[in-house]
Amino acid sequence: MRSIFIAAVAFLAACNQKPANSTASLATDWSLENLKGKVKQVKSQTFIVDSVTGKTGALDQKTEEDFDDKGFAASYTESDSKDSMVTKQEFSHNENGTFKGQTTTVNGKPKSSLQLEWDKNGKCTMARTYDSTGKQDSYFTDIVLNKFGQPTSAKNYHMDKTPKMSFTNDYDSLHYIGGRAVEF
């Protein structure tokens, strides 16, 4: 279940762009995260809070998000308080900013990747997921994007063409507000 959820979240983040030939401006990650100016990096730390006293305790988690010069996420790193578990996602974009793909590593070792295909009309026609060895392990079809280029639904299949899962997402303008996934 966790791997299916990760694939759906990765796909959600991935398609958060306008089609490749769109003349409208892309919704940058800066705008989606309500950041002002040309932010290069956002760092955050999460601490454990004592549920009785409400006092802040030990550091629990650290995150770091880097942006390119056009305002799109270039990487996202999440680590525990001792940096003993580090997960990093690196994102690639076409020249016009549309999302091409991402790779995920855990402690520097490959975990998974995602690659999107766009047709000549700028429609996202296929998303392919790959395992840690680079072998394709599933694919998404029937991809529907809203006017902001965000995925509202898609179907995910195993390599033997049997259904794996499907999802739907809801947005309030640019902002994701919820979604549903169904495993088969």
C-alpha atoms as a PDB file:
ATOM      1  CA  MET A   1       0.000   0.000   0.000  1.00  0.00           C
ATOM      2  CA  ARG A   2       2.798   2.435   0.910  1.00  0.00           C
ATOM      3  CA  SER A   3       4.486   2.017  -2.493  1.00  0.00           C
ATOM      4  CA  ILE A   4       1.189   2.671  -4.299  1.00  0.00           C
ATOM      5  CA  PHE A   5       0.623   5.786  -2.206  1.00  0.00           C
ATOM      6  CA  ILE A   6       4.163   6.999  -2.932  1.00  0.00           C
ATOM      7  CA  ALA A   7       3.642   6.468  -6.671  1.00  0.00           C
ATOM      8  CA  ALA A   8       0.356   8.391  -6.581  1.00  0.00           C
ATOM      9  CA  VAL A   9       1.901  11.261  -4.586  1.00  0.00           C
ATOM     10  CA  ALA A  10       4.877  11.356  -6.933  1.00  0.00           C
ATOM     11  CA  PHE A  11       2.546  11.476  -9.910  1.00  0.00           C
ATOM     12  CA  LEU A  12       0.493  14.203  -8.244  1.00  0.00           C
ATOM     13  CA  ALA A  13       3.583  16.333  -7.736  1.00  0.00           C
ATOM     14  CA  ALA A  14       4.916  15.503 -11.155  1.00  0.00           C
ATOM     15  CA  CYS A  15       2.024  16.645 -13.320  1.00  0.00           C
ATOM     16  CA  ASN A  16       1.583  19.878 -11.475  1.00  0.00           C
ATOM     17  CA  GLN A  17       2.371  21.770 -14.663  1.00  0.00           C
ATOM     18  CA  LYS A  18       0.701  23.188 -17.753  1.00  0.00           C
ATOM     19  CA  PRO A  19       0.895  21.165 -20.959  1.00  0.00           C
ATOM     20  CA  ALA A  20       4.135  21.527 -22.936  1.00  0.00           C
ATOM     21  CA  ASN A  21       2.736  23.761 -25.677  1.00  0.00           C
ATOM     22  CA  SER A  22       0.506  25.901 -23.481  1.00  0.00           C
ATOM     23  CA  THR A  23       0.756  29.642 -24.050  1.00  0.00           C
ATOM     24  CA  ALA A  24      -0.471  30.343 -20.531  1.00  0.00           C
ATOM     25  CA  SER A  25       2.146  30.821 -17.858  1.00  0.00           C
ATOM     26  CA  LEU A  26       3.016  27.768 -15.816  1.00  0.00           C
ATOM     27  CA  ALA A  27       2.003  27.606 -12.189  1.00  0.00           C
ATOM     28  CA  THR A  28       5.434  27.587 -10.577  1.00  0.00           C
ATOM     29  CA  ASP A  29       6.179  25.786  -7.356  1.00  0.00           C
ATOM     30  CA  TRP A  30       6.848  29.231  -5.878  1.00  0.00           C
ATOM     31  CA  SER A  31       3.218  30.215  -6.531  1.00  0.00           C
ATOM     32  CA  LEU A  32       1.842  26.851  -5.403  1.00  0.00           C
ATOM     33  CA  GLU A  33       3.685  27.204  -2.107  1.00  0.00           C
ATOM     34  CA  ASN A  34       2.744  30.881  -1.773  1.00  0.00           C
ATOM     35  CA  LEU A  35       6.383  31.989  -1.811  1.00  0.00           C
ATOM     36  CA  LYS A  36       7.241  35.570  -2.713  1.00  0.00           C
ATOM     37  CA  GLY A  37      10.375  36.545  -4.636  1.00  0.00           C
ATOM     38  CA  LYS A  38      12.979  34.275  -6.200  1.00  0.00           C
ATOM     39  CA  VAL A  39      13.366  31.813  -3.348  1.00  0.00           C
ATOM     40  CA  LYS A  40      16.295  29.412  -3.793  1.00  0.00           C
ATOM     41  CA  GLN A  41      15.705  27.136  -0.814  1.00  0.00           C
ATOM     42  CA  VAL A  42      13.223  26.419   1.959  1.00  0.00           C
ATOM     43  CA  LYS A  43      14.396  24.559   5.056  1.00  0.00           C
ATOM     44  CA  SER A  44      12.186  23.323   7.864  1.00  0.00           C
ATOM     45  CA  GLN A  45      12.537  21.358  11.069  1.00  0.00           C
ATOM     46  CA  THR A  46       9.906  19.376  12.939  1.00  0.00           C
ATOM     47  CA  PHE A  47      10.181  18.846  16.663  1.00  0.00           C
ATOM     48  CA  ILE A  48       8.492  16.399  19.013  1.00  0.00           C
ATOM     49  CA  VAL A  49       6.022  18.168  21.292  1.00  0.00           C
ATOM     50  CA  ASP A  50       5.147  16.859  24.739  1.00  0.00           C
ATOM     51  CA  SER A  51       1.389  16.212  24.568  1.00  0.00           C
ATOM     52  CA  VAL A  52       0.937  16.957  28.281  1.00  0.00           C
ATOM     53  CA  THR A  53       3.042  20.085  28.754  1.00  0.00           C
ATOM     54  CA  GLY A  54       3.049  21.371  25.186  1.00  0.00           C
ATOM     55  CA  LYS A  55       6.796  21.965  25.417  1.00  0.00           C
ATOM     56  CA  THR A  56       9.028  21.487  22.414  1.00  0.00           C
ATOM     57  CA  GLY A  57      11.242  18.433  22.659  1.00  0.00           C
ATOM     58  CA  ALA A  58      13.849  16.841  20.442  1.00  0.00           C
ATOM     59  CA  LEU A  59      14.309  17.444  16.725  1.00  0.00           C
ATOM     60  CA  ASP A  60      12.341  14.824  14.777  1.00  0.00           C
ATOM     61  CA  GLN A  61      12.762  15.617  11.080  1.00  0.00           C
ATOM     62  CA  LYS A  62      14.420  18.075   8.675  1.00  0.00           C
ATOM     63  CA  THR A  63      13.389  18.995   5.132  1.00  0.00           C
ATOM     64  CA  GLU A  64      15.049  21.058   2.454  1.00  0.00           C
ATOM     65  CA  GLU A  65      13.520  22.101  -0.868  1.00  0.00           C
ATOM     66  CA  ASP A  66      15.641  23.675  -3.604  1.00  0.00           C
ATOM     67  CA  PHE A  67      14.231  25.672  -6.526  1.00  0.00           C
ATOM     68  CA  ASP A  68      15.623  26.464  -9.967  1.00  0.00           C
ATOM     69  CA  ASP A  69      15.807  29.998 -11.398  1.00  0.00           C
ATOM     70  CA  LYS A  70      12.348  29.657 -12.964  1.00  0.00           C
ATOM     71  CA  GLY A  71      10.630  28.792  -9.673  1.00  0.00           C
ATOM     72  CA  PHE A  72      10.254  25.048 -10.114  1.00  0.00           C
ATOM     73  CA  ALA A  73      11.302  22.527  -7.478  1.00  0.00           C
ATOM     74  CA  ALA A  74      14.700  21.039  -8.336  1.00  0.00           C
ATOM     75  CA  SER A  75      14.991  18.752  -5.307  1.00  0.00           C
ATOM     76  CA  TYR A  76      13.354  17.848  -2.012  1.00  0.00           C
ATOM     77  CA  THR A  77      15.323  16.244   0.810  1.00  0.00           C
ATOM     78  CA  GLU A  78      13.877  14.738   3.991  1.00  0.00           C
ATOM     79  CA  SER A  79      16.020  13.389   6.833  1.00  0.00           C
ATOM     80  CA  ASP A  80      15.655  12.230  10.397  1.00  0.00           C
ATOM     81  CA  SER A  81      17.246  14.173  13.257  1.00  0.00           C
ATOM     82  CA  LYS A  82      20.568  12.288  12.999  1.00  0.00           C
ATOM     83  CA  ASP A  83      20.718  12.226   9.177  1.00  0.00           C
ATOM     84  CA  SER A  84      20.727   8.424   9.353  1.00  0.00           C
ATOM     85  CA  MET A  85      17.774   8.162   6.941  1.00  0.00           C
ATOM     86  CA  VAL A  86      17.916  10.627   4.077  1.00  0.00           C
ATOM     87  CA  THR A  87      15.377  10.566   1.238  1.00  0.00           C
ATOM     88  CA  LYS A  88      16.020  12.838  -1.724  1.00  0.00           C
ATOM     89  CA  GLN A  89      13.846  13.521  -4.748  1.00  0.00           C
ATOM     90  CA  GLU A  90      15.374  15.262  -7.753  1.00  0.00           C
ATOM     91  CA  PHE A  91      13.085  16.748 -10.408  1.00  0.00           C
ATOM     92  CA  SER A  92      13.718  17.481 -14.082  1.00  0.00           C
ATOM     93  CA  HIS A  93      11.788  19.890 -16.303  1.00  0.00           C
ATOM     94  CA  ASN A  94      11.633  20.685 -20.001  1.00  0.00           C
ATOM     95  CA  GLU A  95      13.012  24.032 -21.170  1.00  0.00           C
ATOM     96  CA  ASN A  96       9.562  25.631 -20.816  1.00  0.00           C
ATOM     97  CA  GLY A  97       9.166  24.335 -17.256  1.00  0.00           C
ATOM     98  CA  THR A  98       6.883  21.346 -17.823  1.00  0.00           C
ATOM     99  CA  PHE A  99       7.747  18.391 -15.643  1.00  0.00           C
ATOM    100  CA  LYS A 100       9.740  15.543 -17.249  1.00  0.00           C
ATOM    101  CA  GLY A 101      10.497  13.254 -14.341  1.00  0.00           C
ATOM    102  CA  GLN A 102      11.958  12.578 -10.949  1.00  0.00           C
ATOM    103  CA  THR A 103      14.330  10.213  -9.211  1.00  0.00           C
ATOM    104  CA  THR A 104      14.185   9.170  -5.566  1.00  0.00           C
ATOM    105  CA  THR A 105      17.143   7.979  -3.527  1.00  0.00           C
ATOM    106  CA  VAL A 106      17.348   6.750   0.068  1.00  0.00           C
ATOM    107  CA  ASN A 107      20.713   7.190   1.757  1.00  0.00           C
ATOM    108  CA  GLY A 108      22.260   7.825  -1.651  1.00  0.00           C
ATOM    109  CA  LYS A 109      20.962   4.587  -3.208  1.00  0.00           C
ATOM    110  CA  PRO A 110      18.360   4.521  -6.010  1.00  0.00           C
ATOM    111  CA  LYS A 111      14.799   3.829  -4.825  1.00  0.00           C
ATOM    112  CA  SER A 112      12.497   4.697  -7.735  1.00  0.00           C
ATOM    113  CA  SER A 113      11.905   7.058 -10.623  1.00  0.00           C
ATOM    114  CA  LEU A 114       9.048   8.478 -12.646  1.00  0.00           C
ATOM    115  CA  GLN A 115       9.093   9.666 -16.264  1.00  0.00           C
ATOM    116  CA  LEU A 116       6.272  11.495 -18.075  1.00  0.00           C
ATOM    117  CA  GLU A 117       5.524  11.499 -21.787  1.00  0.00           C
ATOM    118  CA  TRP A 118       3.825  14.403 -23.544  1.00  0.00           C
ATOM    119  CA  ASP A 119       2.317  14.324 -27.038  1.00  0.00           C
ATOM    120  CA  LYS A 120       2.830  17.069 -29.653  1.00  0.00           C
ATOM    121  CA  ASN A 121      -0.337  18.810 -28.432  1.00  0.00           C
ATOM    122  CA  GLY A 122       1.001  19.117 -24.908  1.00  0.00           C
ATOM    123  CA  LYS A 123      -1.120  16.353 -23.368  1.00  0.00           C
ATOM    124  CA  CYS A 124       0.442  14.111 -20.725  1.00  0.00           C
ATOM    125  CA  THR A 125      -0.206  10.698 -22.286  1.00  0.00           C
ATOM    126  CA  MET A 126       1.792   8.333 -20.095  1.00  0.00           C
ATOM    127  CA  ALA A 127       3.668   8.209 -16.822  1.00  0.00           C
ATOM    128  CA  ARG A 128       6.076   5.345 -16.238  1.00  0.00           C
ATOM    129  CA  THR A 129       7.453   4.274 -12.848  1.00  0.00           C
ATOM    130  CA  TYR A 130      10.740   2.418 -12.382  1.00  0.00           C
ATOM    131  CA  ASP A 131      12.183   0.467  -9.459  1.00  0.00           C
ATOM    132  CA  SER A 132      15.609   0.833  -7.836  1.00  0.00           C
ATOM    133  CA  THR A 133      17.285  -1.182 -10.620  1.00  0.00           C
ATOM    134  CA  GLY A 134      15.797   0.998 -13.369  1.00  0.00           C
ATOM    135  CA  LYS A 135      13.286  -1.661 -14.435  1.00  0.00           C
ATOM    136  CA  GLN A 136       9.838  -0.331 -15.296  1.00  0.00           C
ATOM    137  CA  ASP A 137       7.348  -1.595 -12.700  1.00  0.00           C
ATOM    138  CA  SER A 138       4.096   0.212 -13.600  1.00  0.00           C
ATOM    139  CA  TYR A 139       2.535   2.871 -15.788  1.00  0.00           C
ATOM    140  CA  PHE A 140      -0.293   5.415 -15.643  1.00  0.00           C
ATOM    141  CA  THR A 141      -2.829   6.032 -18.435  1.00  0.00           C
ATOM    142  CA  ASP A 142      -6.113   7.920 -18.836  1.00  0.00           C
ATOM    143  CA  ILE A 143      -4.417  10.944 -17.324  1.00  0.00           C
ATOM    144  CA  VAL A 144      -6.747  13.926 -16.879  1.00  0.00           C
ATOM    145  CA  LEU A 145      -5.339  17.344 -15.964  1.00  0.00           C
ATOM    146  CA  ASN A 146      -7.229  20.447 -14.840  1.00  0.00           C
ATOM    147  CA  LYS A 147      -6.759  23.899 -16.402  1.00  0.00           C
ATOM    148  CA  PHE A 148      -3.669  24.419 -14.227  1.00  0.00           C
ATOM    149  CA  GLY A 149      -2.094  21.181 -15.480  1.00  0.00           C
ATOM    150  CA  GLN A 150      -2.685  19.329 -12.201  1.00  0.00           C
ATOM    151  CA  PRO A 151      -3.742  15.664 -12.330  1.00  0.00           C
ATOM    152  CA  THR A 152      -7.399  15.143 -11.466  1.00  0.00           C
ATOM    153  CA  SER A 153      -7.389  11.415 -12.269  1.00  0.00           C
ATOM    154  CA  ALA A 154      -5.377   8.564 -13.745  1.00  0.00           C
ATOM    155  CA  LYS A 155      -5.248   4.779 -13.850  1.00  0.00           C
ATOM    156  CA  ASN A 156      -2.183   2.765 -12.814  1.00  0.00           C
ATOM    157  CA  TYR A 157      -1.341  -0.669 -14.239  1.00  0.00           C
ATOM    158  CA  HIS A 158       1.135  -3.456 -13.499  1.00  0.00           C
ATOM    159  CA  MET A 159       3.449  -4.382 -16.367  1.00  0.00           C
ATOM    160  CA  ASP A 160       1.221  -7.379 -17.213  1.00  0.00           C
ATOM    161  CA  LYS A 161      -1.558  -4.824 -17.944  1.00  0.00           C
ATOM    162  CA  THR A 162      -3.635  -5.759 -14.896  1.00  0.00           C
ATOM    163  CA  PRO A 163      -5.059  -2.778 -12.986  1.00  0.00           C
ATOM    164  CA  LYS A 164      -3.066  -1.711  -9.925  1.00  0.00           C
ATOM    165  CA  MET A 165      -4.916   1.390  -8.727  1.00  0.00           C
ATOM    166  CA  SER A 166      -6.680   4.550  -9.786  1.00  0.00           C
ATOM    167  CA  PHE A 167      -6.901   7.951  -8.169  1.00  0.00           C
ATOM    168  CA  THR A 168      -8.884  11.176  -8.263  1.00  0.00           C
ATOM    169  CA  ASN A 169      -7.780  14.516  -6.852  1.00  0.00           C
ATOM    170  CA  ASP A 170      -9.688  17.639  -5.844  1.00  0.00           C
ATOM    171  CA  TYR A 171      -8.380  21.208  -5.995  1.00  0.00           C
ATOM    172  CA  ASP A 172      -9.481  24.632  -4.826  1.00  0.00           C
ATOM    173  CA  SER A 173      -8.040  26.683  -7.666  1.00  0.00           C
ATOM    174  CA  LEU A 174      -4.305  25.799  -7.639  1.00  0.00           C
ATOM    175  CA  HIS A 175      -4.329  24.125  -4.250  1.00  0.00           C
ATOM    176  CA  TYR A 176      -4.754  20.409  -3.646  1.00  0.00           C
ATOM    177  CA  ILE A 177      -7.511  19.783  -1.076  1.00  0.00           C
ATOM    178  CA  GLY A 178      -7.908  16.018  -1.167  1.00  0.00           C
ATOM    179  CA  GLY A 179      -8.058  12.874  -3.168  1.00  0.00           C
ATOM    180  CA  ARG A 180      -9.013   9.238  -3.286  1.00  0.00           C
ATOM    181  CA  ALA A 181      -7.121   6.157  -4.401  1.00  0.00           C
ATOM    182  CA  VAL A 182      -8.568   2.726  -5.059  1.00  0.00           C
ATOM    183  CA  GLU A 183      -6.416  -0.403  -5.195  1.00  0.00           C
ATOM    184  CA  PHE A 184      -7.504  -3.329  -7.358  1.00  0.00           C
END
